[in-house]
Amino acid sequence: MQNGIQNEKTFKTFIAFWLTQAVSQLGSAMTSYALVLWVYAQTGAALSVSLLTLCTYVPYILVSVFAGGFVDAHFKKRIMLVCDSVAFLCTVSVAAALLAGRLTVGHILVVNTIVGFMNAFQQPASAVVNGLLVPKDKLTRMAGLQSISGSLVGIFTPILAAFLMSLFGIGVVLVVDGVSFLLAAGTLAFFIRVPERAEDLKRTEKSAPFAGLRDGIRFLRGDHAVLTMILVLAVMNFFSRITYENILSPMILSRSGSQRVLGLISGVMGAAGVVGGVIATRLPEPKRCAARICGMGLVSFLLGDFLMAMGRTPAVWVIAAIGGNLPIPILDSGYQYLFYTRVPREIQGRVFAVRNLIQYSSIPVGLLLGGVFADYVFEPMMAGSSGLAQALHHVVGTGAGSGMAVMFLATGALGVLTCVLGCFSMKKALK
């Protein structure tokens, strides 16, 4: 009975932590979106926008190799407060430079690099805090709530940022980001008690910078279920960077000729993520994690990628948007449960950092390959008259965007294969 009361208390603490962090994420996302618009308006070059993304991810990937051990050996709450404070000071520096009329693209690139560096410590620390605050019987609820907030941030970021910029300018967006930081940091500092003890941290090995990386890899080599899960998710993320987060917009615009259709599809994708998150919060803890993770991935590829490829009308693309995005929060609930129940708390930061290193290393590659494949391989191929192109015309149609549709076919097929093989491997490891 006492444990049940304590679990409810810590979960309520998590709710406060989750809500304020979600508000802060919205503020940060709005700033990132506004800065992309500002940089593009200044340069008119897509490359400059790509550099903003690279300057965030590259330091994140490089620092992740030793961030996990540091996180496990120190108080996670302090790490989060320091990292968020540095990111807040970066926002202040951007606002000050803007106010003085001295803001440059180079300034923003430096800021993004610093933020990427901080995120390498902040995200593993936040993930461990989630595990400390949420009891095992509420892990799927946690995953569902995080999916809901992530989807809502994705939906409202461009709407709110564009609205505020059009009326008041980029300065107001930066102010909103600052206020959201103060709310989240104040709540974390004064109202969130994270149950970790100094004596537990002292028992964590503090050695060479790369010892944490070795510890994380050593654990994953000994737990094939968690390793397989991470590899499956890494491949899925890689495919999404090639298609959904890269060529979906130009494909829809090429095939429909309408920005409204693209807006509709984007909105449906976000709404489907919210609905999936609500469903995940209502599900019991998974008894068969492999089936939930890989099964939902399979559904996403079958209904999402394949229908996106074969669809030629908004109605089909809407179904694809729902089928591709609604299963993801349910998949994530299986991942969260498997991760937090199998990885010991004292090394979760290290394992999470290795997981980030594996998954995020594929992001720049996927972003680069998506554009290269679309412009130089698949679109020219489908514009030709080869036997393969003629056969594929029966599946994806003809004209501009058909080559990108073939890319969705490819990621759909490869994604299905990945999920099937991953399910067998994970089930074998869990026996």
Protein backbone atom coordinates (compact mmCIF):
# COMPACT_ATOMS: atom_id res chain seq x y z
CA MET A 1 0.00 0.00 0.00
CA GLN A 2 2.81 2.36 0.96
CA ASN A 3 4.63 1.63 -2.30
CA GLY A 4 1.46 2.37 -4.27
CA ILE A 5 1.05 5.76 -2.60
CA GLN A 6 4.72 6.57 -3.18
CA ASN A 7 4.45 5.54 -6.85
CA GLU A 8 1.47 7.85 -7.35
CA LYS A 9 3.38 10.70 -5.70
CA THR A 10 6.45 10.28 -7.91
CA PHE A 11 4.27 9.96 -11.01
CA LYS A 12 2.56 13.26 -10.16
CA THR A 13 6.02 14.76 -9.88
CA PHE A 14 6.78 13.40 -13.33
CA ILE A 15 3.60 15.04 -14.70
CA ALA A 16 4.81 18.45 -13.49
CA PHE A 17 8.27 17.75 -14.91
CA TRP A 18 6.83 16.58 -18.24
CA LEU A 19 4.44 19.52 -18.66
CA THR A 20 7.01 22.23 -17.95
CA GLN A 21 9.66 20.52 -20.07
CA ALA A 22 7.14 20.27 -22.93
CA VAL A 23 6.47 24.02 -22.70
CA SER A 24 10.22 24.65 -22.75
CA GLN A 25 10.63 22.36 -25.77
CA LEU A 26 7.93 24.34 -27.58
CA GLY A 27 9.76 27.59 -26.87
CA SER A 28 13.08 26.15 -28.06
CA ALA A 29 11.49 24.69 -31.18
CA MET A 30 9.87 28.02 -32.01
CA THR A 31 13.24 29.75 -31.71
CA SER A 32 14.90 27.16 -33.97
CA TYR A 33 12.13 27.55 -36.54
CA ALA A 34 12.29 31.35 -36.39
CA LEU A 35 16.07 31.33 -36.81
CA VAL A 36 15.77 29.08 -39.86
CA LEU A 37 13.36 31.58 -41.41
CA TRP A 38 15.64 34.49 -40.47
CA VAL A 39 18.76 32.81 -41.90
CA TYR A 40 16.99 31.86 -45.13
CA ALA A 41 15.68 35.41 -45.51
CA GLN A 42 19.22 36.74 -45.08
CA THR A 43 21.01 34.31 -47.39
CA GLY A 44 18.39 32.82 -49.71
CA ALA A 45 20.47 29.62 -49.66
CA ALA A 46 19.21 26.18 -48.59
CA LEU A 47 22.79 25.22 -47.69
CA SER A 48 22.85 27.76 -44.88
CA VAL A 49 19.73 26.14 -43.41
CA SER A 50 21.35 22.68 -43.65
CA LEU A 51 24.39 24.03 -41.81
CA LEU A 52 22.14 25.04 -38.90
CA THR A 53 21.04 21.42 -38.54
CA LEU A 54 24.56 20.05 -38.91
CA CYS A 55 25.93 22.46 -36.29
CA THR A 56 23.38 21.07 -33.83
CA TYR A 57 23.80 17.37 -34.57
CA VAL A 58 27.56 17.05 -35.16
CA PRO A 59 28.65 18.22 -31.67
CA TYR A 60 25.80 16.19 -30.18
CA ILE A 61 27.12 13.05 -31.86
CA LEU A 62 30.76 13.71 -30.99
CA VAL A 63 30.13 14.55 -27.33
CA SER A 64 27.77 11.58 -26.81
CA VAL A 65 30.78 9.23 -26.81
CA PHE A 66 31.67 10.33 -23.27
CA ALA A 67 28.57 12.17 -22.02
CA GLY A 68 26.86 9.04 -20.70
CA GLY A 69 29.51 8.23 -18.10
CA PHE A 70 29.50 11.84 -16.91
CA VAL A 71 25.71 11.82 -16.55
CA ASP A 72 25.69 8.59 -14.52
CA ALA A 73 28.35 9.94 -12.14
CA HIS A 74 26.67 13.28 -11.37
CA PHE A 75 23.32 14.61 -10.20
CA LYS A 76 21.02 14.62 -13.22
CA LYS A 77 18.99 17.56 -11.97
CA ARG A 78 22.10 19.75 -11.78
CA ILE A 79 23.21 18.66 -15.24
CA MET A 80 19.84 19.61 -16.72
CA LEU A 81 19.79 22.99 -14.99
CA VAL A 82 23.32 23.84 -16.14
CA CYS A 83 22.69 22.73 -19.73
CA ASP A 84 19.36 24.54 -19.96
CA SER A 85 20.90 27.68 -18.46
CA VAL A 86 23.68 27.71 -21.05
CA ALA A 87 21.09 27.27 -23.83
CA PHE A 88 19.10 30.15 -22.29
CA LEU A 89 22.20 32.38 -22.31
CA CYS A 90 22.66 31.52 -25.99
CA THR A 91 19.12 32.71 -26.66
CA VAL A 92 19.85 35.90 -24.71
CA SER A 93 22.99 36.48 -26.81
CA VAL A 94 20.96 36.10 -30.01
CA ALA A 95 18.36 38.55 -28.71
CA ALA A 96 21.05 41.06 -27.69
CA ALA A 97 22.80 40.83 -31.07
CA LEU A 98 19.46 41.24 -32.84
CA LEU A 99 18.58 44.27 -30.75
CA ALA A 100 21.97 45.82 -31.51
CA GLY A 101 21.59 45.08 -35.23
CA ARG A 102 24.66 42.83 -35.20
CA LEU A 103 23.13 39.38 -35.52
CA THR A 104 24.86 37.30 -38.19
CA VAL A 105 24.52 33.81 -39.61
CA GLY A 106 27.90 32.95 -38.09
CA HIS A 107 26.61 33.94 -34.65
CA ILE A 108 23.65 31.57 -35.03
CA LEU A 109 25.89 28.73 -36.21
CA VAL A 110 28.03 29.13 -33.08
CA VAL A 111 24.91 29.17 -30.89
CA ASN A 112 23.59 25.99 -32.51
CA THR A 113 26.94 24.29 -31.93
CA ILE A 114 26.85 25.16 -28.23
CA VAL A 115 23.25 24.01 -27.91
CA GLY A 116 24.12 20.70 -29.60
CA PHE A 117 26.97 20.26 -27.12
CA MET A 118 24.62 20.89 -24.18
CA ASN A 119 21.96 18.54 -25.56
CA ALA A 120 24.46 15.67 -25.49
CA PHE A 121 24.40 15.91 -21.68
CA GLN A 122 20.87 17.19 -21.14
CA GLN A 123 18.99 14.48 -23.02
CA PRO A 124 20.56 11.43 -21.31
CA ALA A 125 20.12 13.18 -17.95
CA SER A 126 16.45 13.84 -18.73
CA ALA A 127 15.92 10.23 -19.82
CA VAL A 128 17.37 8.92 -16.55
CA VAL A 129 15.23 11.35 -14.54
CA ASN A 130 12.15 10.00 -16.29
CA GLY A 131 13.09 6.49 -15.19
CA LEU A 132 13.66 7.66 -11.61
CA LEU A 133 10.28 9.40 -11.39
CA VAL A 134 8.07 6.89 -13.20
CA PRO A 135 7.23 3.49 -11.62
CA LYS A 136 7.43 0.43 -13.88
CA ASP A 137 3.66 0.02 -14.09
CA LYS A 138 3.33 3.51 -15.64
CA LEU A 139 6.12 3.41 -18.22
CA THR A 140 3.73 3.09 -21.16
CA ARG A 141 1.74 6.07 -19.86
CA MET A 142 4.97 8.05 -19.74
CA ALA A 143 5.78 7.12 -23.34
CA GLY A 144 2.28 8.06 -24.46
CA LEU A 145 2.40 11.43 -22.73
CA GLN A 146 5.79 12.21 -24.25
CA SER A 147 4.49 11.28 -27.69
CA ILE A 148 1.48 13.56 -27.22
CA SER A 149 3.64 16.53 -26.22
CA GLY A 150 6.15 15.83 -29.01
CA SER A 151 3.39 15.75 -31.61
CA LEU A 152 1.75 18.90 -30.27
CA VAL A 153 5.09 20.71 -30.32
CA GLY A 154 5.52 19.63 -33.93
CA ILE A 155 2.05 20.88 -34.85
CA PHE A 156 2.12 24.25 -33.09
CA THR A 157 5.76 25.25 -33.55
CA PRO A 158 5.46 26.53 -37.15
CA ILE A 159 2.00 27.99 -36.53
CA LEU A 160 2.92 29.98 -33.43
CA ALA A 161 6.40 30.98 -34.61
CA ALA A 162 5.13 32.21 -37.99
CA PHE A 163 2.22 34.04 -36.33
CA LEU A 164 4.41 35.84 -33.78
CA MET A 165 7.06 36.70 -36.36
CA SER A 166 4.53 38.13 -38.78
CA LEU A 167 3.02 40.39 -36.11
CA PHE A 168 5.91 41.26 -33.80
CA GLY A 169 9.15 39.98 -35.32
CA ILE A 170 11.67 37.39 -34.23
CA GLY A 171 12.41 39.19 -30.97
CA VAL A 172 9.07 38.18 -29.44
CA VAL A 173 9.73 34.52 -30.29
CA LEU A 174 13.01 34.75 -28.38
CA VAL A 175 11.19 36.30 -25.40
CA VAL A 176 8.63 33.46 -25.40
CA ASP A 177 11.50 30.96 -25.43
CA GLY A 178 13.07 32.72 -22.45
CA VAL A 179 9.83 32.70 -20.46
CA SER A 180 9.30 28.99 -21.19
CA PHE A 181 12.84 28.28 -19.95
CA LEU A 182 12.26 30.16 -16.69
CA LEU A 183 9.05 28.18 -16.10
CA ALA A 184 10.72 24.81 -16.71
CA ALA A 185 13.96 25.63 -14.85
CA GLY A 186 12.10 27.14 -11.89
CA THR A 187 9.85 24.10 -11.59
CA LEU A 188 12.79 21.71 -11.83
CA ALA A 189 14.93 23.66 -9.35
CA PHE A 190 12.33 24.27 -6.64
CA PHE A 191 9.52 21.74 -7.03
CA ILE A 192 10.94 18.56 -8.61
CA ARG A 193 12.69 16.19 -6.22
CA VAL A 194 14.73 13.60 -8.11
CA PRO A 195 15.33 10.48 -5.97
CA GLU A 196 19.09 10.01 -6.29
CA ARG A 197 21.69 9.81 -3.53
CA ALA A 198 25.29 10.98 -3.42
CA GLU A 199 26.49 7.59 -2.16
CA ASP A 200 24.97 5.91 -5.24
CA LEU A 201 26.83 8.32 -7.51
CA LYS A 202 30.11 7.66 -5.67
CA ARG A 203 29.80 3.99 -6.53
CA THR A 204 29.64 4.89 -10.21
CA GLU A 205 33.04 4.47 -11.83
CA LYS A 206 34.72 7.78 -12.63
CA SER A 207 37.57 7.04 -14.95
CA ALA A 208 38.71 7.89 -18.47
CA PRO A 209 36.36 10.02 -20.62
CA PHE A 210 35.58 7.11 -22.92
CA ALA A 211 34.97 4.60 -20.11
CA GLY A 212 31.26 5.43 -20.20
CA LEU A 213 31.13 4.61 -23.89
CA ARG A 214 32.88 1.28 -23.25
CA ASP A 215 30.48 0.48 -20.40
CA GLY A 216 27.45 1.20 -22.58
CA ILE A 217 28.79 -0.92 -25.44
CA ARG A 218 29.70 -3.72 -23.02
CA PHE A 219 26.16 -3.81 -21.67
CA LEU A 220 24.61 -3.84 -25.13
CA ARG A 221 26.89 -6.66 -26.26
CA GLY A 222 25.57 -8.67 -23.32
CA ASP A 223 21.90 -7.80 -23.84
CA HIS A 224 20.99 -8.62 -27.43
CA ALA A 225 17.34 -7.69 -26.90
CA VAL A 226 18.12 -4.06 -26.07
CA LEU A 227 20.83 -3.91 -28.73
CA THR A 228 18.48 -5.26 -31.40
CA MET A 229 15.78 -2.80 -30.35
CA ILE A 230 18.20 0.13 -30.64
CA LEU A 231 19.45 -1.03 -34.04
CA VAL A 232 15.88 -1.49 -35.36
CA LEU A 233 14.92 2.01 -34.22
CA ALA A 234 18.13 3.44 -35.67
CA VAL A 235 17.32 1.94 -39.08
CA MET A 236 13.73 3.21 -38.87
CA ASN A 237 14.98 6.70 -38.04
CA PHE A 238 17.43 6.52 -40.92
CA PHE A 239 14.64 5.68 -43.36
CA SER A 240 12.46 8.49 -41.98
CA ARG A 241 15.28 10.99 -42.58
CA ILE A 242 15.56 9.84 -46.18
CA THR A 243 11.84 10.12 -46.90
CA TYR A 244 9.39 11.57 -44.38
CA GLU A 245 11.63 14.30 -43.01
CA ASN A 246 13.38 15.01 -46.29
CA ILE A 247 11.46 14.45 -49.51
CA LEU A 248 7.85 14.17 -48.34
CA SER A 249 7.17 17.88 -48.81
CA PRO A 250 8.64 18.14 -52.34
CA MET A 251 6.92 14.89 -53.34
CA ILE A 252 3.48 16.07 -52.21
CA LEU A 253 4.00 19.49 -53.79
CA SER A 254 5.18 17.94 -57.07
CA ARG A 255 2.28 15.50 -57.28
CA SER A 256 -0.51 17.75 -56.02
CA GLY A 257 0.72 21.23 -56.92
CA SER A 258 -0.92 22.53 -53.76
CA GLN A 259 0.55 23.89 -50.52
CA ARG A 260 -2.83 23.35 -48.88
CA VAL A 261 -2.59 19.63 -49.50
CA LEU A 262 0.88 19.60 -47.96
CA GLY A 263 -0.43 21.53 -44.95
CA LEU A 264 -3.28 19.03 -44.61
CA ILE A 265 -0.92 16.05 -44.66
CA SER A 266 1.44 17.68 -42.15
CA GLY A 267 -1.46 18.44 -39.82
CA VAL A 268 -2.85 14.91 -40.06
CA MET A 269 0.58 13.45 -39.29
CA GLY A 270 0.80 15.52 -36.11
CA ALA A 271 -2.78 14.71 -35.09
CA ALA A 272 -2.16 10.99 -35.66
CA GLY A 273 0.83 11.20 -33.33
CA VAL A 274 -1.38 12.77 -30.65
CA VAL A 275 -4.05 10.07 -31.02
CA GLY A 276 -1.37 7.37 -30.92
CA GLY A 277 -0.01 8.90 -27.73
CA VAL A 278 -3.47 8.88 -26.13
CA ILE A 279 -3.88 5.20 -27.07
CA ALA A 280 -0.45 4.39 -25.63
CA THR A 281 -1.38 5.94 -22.26
CA ARG A 282 -4.35 3.55 -22.06
CA LEU A 283 -2.47 0.38 -22.91
CA PRO A 284 -1.22 -2.07 -20.27
CA GLU A 285 2.47 -2.73 -19.90
CA PRO A 286 3.56 -4.95 -22.80
CA LYS A 287 3.97 -8.66 -22.13
CA ARG A 288 5.60 -9.14 -25.53
CA CYS A 289 7.82 -6.14 -26.17
CA ALA A 290 9.19 -7.51 -29.44
CA ALA A 291 5.69 -7.85 -30.90
CA ARG A 292 4.69 -4.33 -29.85
CA ILE A 293 7.87 -2.65 -31.09
CA CYS A 294 8.36 -4.49 -34.38
CA GLY A 295 4.65 -5.04 -35.01
CA MET A 296 3.88 -1.35 -34.80
CA GLY A 297 6.90 -0.60 -36.97
CA LEU A 298 5.62 -3.08 -39.54
CA VAL A 299 2.19 -1.40 -39.59
CA SER A 300 3.82 2.02 -39.97
CA PHE A 301 5.86 0.95 -43.01
CA LEU A 302 3.00 -0.96 -44.65
CA LEU A 303 0.35 1.74 -44.23
CA GLY A 304 2.66 4.74 -44.26
CA ASP A 305 5.49 4.35 -46.74
CA PHE A 306 3.68 2.12 -49.23
CA LEU A 307 0.53 4.22 -49.35
CA MET A 308 2.54 7.44 -49.57
CA ALA A 309 4.29 5.94 -52.59
CA MET A 310 1.22 4.59 -54.37
CA GLY A 311 -1.14 7.42 -53.46
CA ARG A 312 -1.99 10.06 -56.04
CA THR A 313 -4.82 11.83 -54.22
CA PRO A 314 -5.04 13.70 -50.89
CA ALA A 315 -7.43 11.05 -49.51
CA VAL A 316 -4.85 8.27 -49.87
CA TRP A 317 -2.08 10.44 -48.46
CA VAL A 318 -4.24 11.24 -45.43
CA ILE A 319 -4.72 7.51 -44.78
CA ALA A 320 -0.97 7.03 -45.19
CA ALA A 321 -0.25 9.87 -42.77
CA ILE A 322 -2.49 8.24 -40.15
CA GLY A 323 -1.21 4.71 -40.77
CA GLY A 324 2.41 5.80 -40.72
CA ASN A 325 2.32 7.98 -37.60
CA LEU A 326 -0.38 6.63 -35.26
CA PRO A 327 1.56 3.39 -34.45
CA ILE A 328 4.78 5.20 -33.51
CA PRO A 329 3.80 6.23 -29.93
CA ILE A 330 2.60 2.67 -29.27
CA LEU A 331 5.93 1.37 -30.59
CA ASP A 332 7.73 3.85 -28.34
CA SER A 333 5.83 2.62 -25.28
CA GLY A 334 7.27 -0.85 -25.90
CA TYR A 335 10.75 0.60 -26.31
CA GLN A 336 10.51 2.63 -23.10
CA TYR A 337 9.31 -0.37 -21.12
CA LEU A 338 12.04 -2.67 -22.41
CA PHE A 339 14.76 -0.06 -21.88
CA TYR A 340 13.87 0.95 -18.33
CA THR A 341 13.13 -2.59 -17.11
CA ARG A 342 16.29 -4.19 -18.52
CA VAL A 343 18.94 -1.47 -18.18
CA PRO A 344 20.14 -0.96 -14.57
CA ARG A 345 19.56 2.58 -13.33
CA GLU A 346 23.20 3.17 -12.51
CA ILE A 347 24.25 2.80 -16.17
CA GLN A 348 21.16 4.14 -17.97
CA GLY A 349 22.93 7.39 -18.87
CA ARG A 350 25.78 5.49 -20.53
CA VAL A 351 23.49 3.15 -22.45
CA PHE A 352 21.25 6.03 -23.49
CA ALA A 353 24.28 7.97 -24.75
CA VAL A 354 25.41 5.01 -26.86
CA ARG A 355 21.88 4.69 -28.18
CA ASN A 356 21.94 8.37 -29.16
CA LEU A 357 25.32 7.94 -30.81
CA ILE A 358 23.99 5.08 -32.94
CA GLN A 359 20.71 6.73 -33.87
CA TYR A 360 21.79 10.31 -34.40
CA SER A 361 24.87 9.43 -36.43
CA SER A 362 22.52 8.34 -39.20
CA ILE A 363 20.66 11.66 -39.33
CA PRO A 364 23.16 13.71 -41.39
CA VAL A 365 23.69 10.70 -43.67
CA GLY A 366 19.96 10.23 -44.20
CA LEU A 367 19.38 13.92 -44.85
CA LEU A 368 22.18 13.97 -47.42
CA LEU A 369 21.24 10.72 -49.15
CA GLY A 370 17.55 11.67 -49.43
CA GLY A 371 18.27 14.74 -51.51
CA VAL A 372 21.00 13.07 -53.57
CA PHE A 373 18.87 10.01 -54.36
CA ALA A 374 15.87 12.14 -55.29
CA ASP A 375 17.67 14.63 -57.53
CA TYR A 376 20.29 12.42 -59.17
CA VAL A 377 18.98 8.84 -59.10
CA PHE A 378 15.25 8.21 -58.78
CA GLU A 379 13.70 11.29 -60.40
CA PRO A 380 15.93 11.00 -63.52
CA MET A 381 15.32 7.25 -63.61
CA MET A 382 11.52 7.65 -63.58
CA ALA A 383 11.73 10.37 -66.24
CA GLY A 384 13.41 7.85 -68.57
CA SER A 385 11.98 4.97 -70.53
CA SER A 386 13.82 1.98 -69.08
CA GLY A 387 12.00 -1.27 -68.43
CA LEU A 388 12.24 -0.74 -64.67
CA ALA A 389 10.77 2.75 -64.93
CA GLN A 390 7.91 1.48 -67.08
CA ALA A 391 7.12 -1.25 -64.55
CA LEU A 392 7.21 1.18 -61.63
CA HIS A 393 4.93 3.63 -63.47
CA HIS A 394 2.11 1.12 -62.95
CA VAL A 395 2.65 1.34 -59.19
CA VAL A 396 3.51 4.98 -58.48
CA GLY A 397 2.33 6.77 -61.59
CA THR A 398 4.28 9.17 -63.78
CA GLY A 399 5.45 12.76 -63.79
CA ALA A 400 7.31 14.91 -61.28
CA GLY A 401 7.53 13.30 -57.85
CA SER A 402 7.24 9.72 -59.10
CA GLY A 403 10.93 9.10 -58.43
CA MET A 404 10.51 10.24 -54.83
CA ALA A 405 7.48 7.95 -54.58
CA VAL A 406 9.74 5.04 -55.57
CA MET A 407 11.99 6.01 -52.66
CA PHE A 408 9.02 5.54 -50.32
CA LEU A 409 8.47 2.11 -51.89
CA ALA A 410 12.10 1.23 -51.17
CA THR A 411 12.05 2.41 -47.55
CA GLY A 412 8.72 0.61 -47.05
CA ALA A 413 10.10 -2.70 -48.29
CA LEU A 414 13.37 -2.36 -46.38
CA GLY A 415 11.51 -1.22 -43.28
CA VAL A 416 9.23 -4.27 -43.34
CA LEU A 417 12.26 -6.53 -43.70
CA THR A 418 13.98 -4.76 -40.79
CA CYS A 419 10.96 -5.19 -38.52
CA VAL A 420 10.51 -8.89 -39.35
CA LEU A 421 14.18 -9.73 -38.79
CA GLY A 422 14.31 -7.54 -35.70
CA CYS A 423 11.26 -9.25 -34.19
CA PHE A 424 12.76 -12.74 -34.59
CA SER A 425 16.10 -11.59 -33.16
CA MET A 426 14.50 -9.77 -30.24
CA LYS A 427 12.22 -12.68 -29.37
CA LYS A 428 15.17 -15.06 -29.37
CA ALA A 429 17.13 -12.76 -27.08
CA LEU A 430 14.20 -12.35 -24.65
CA LYS A 431 13.73 -16.11 -24.14
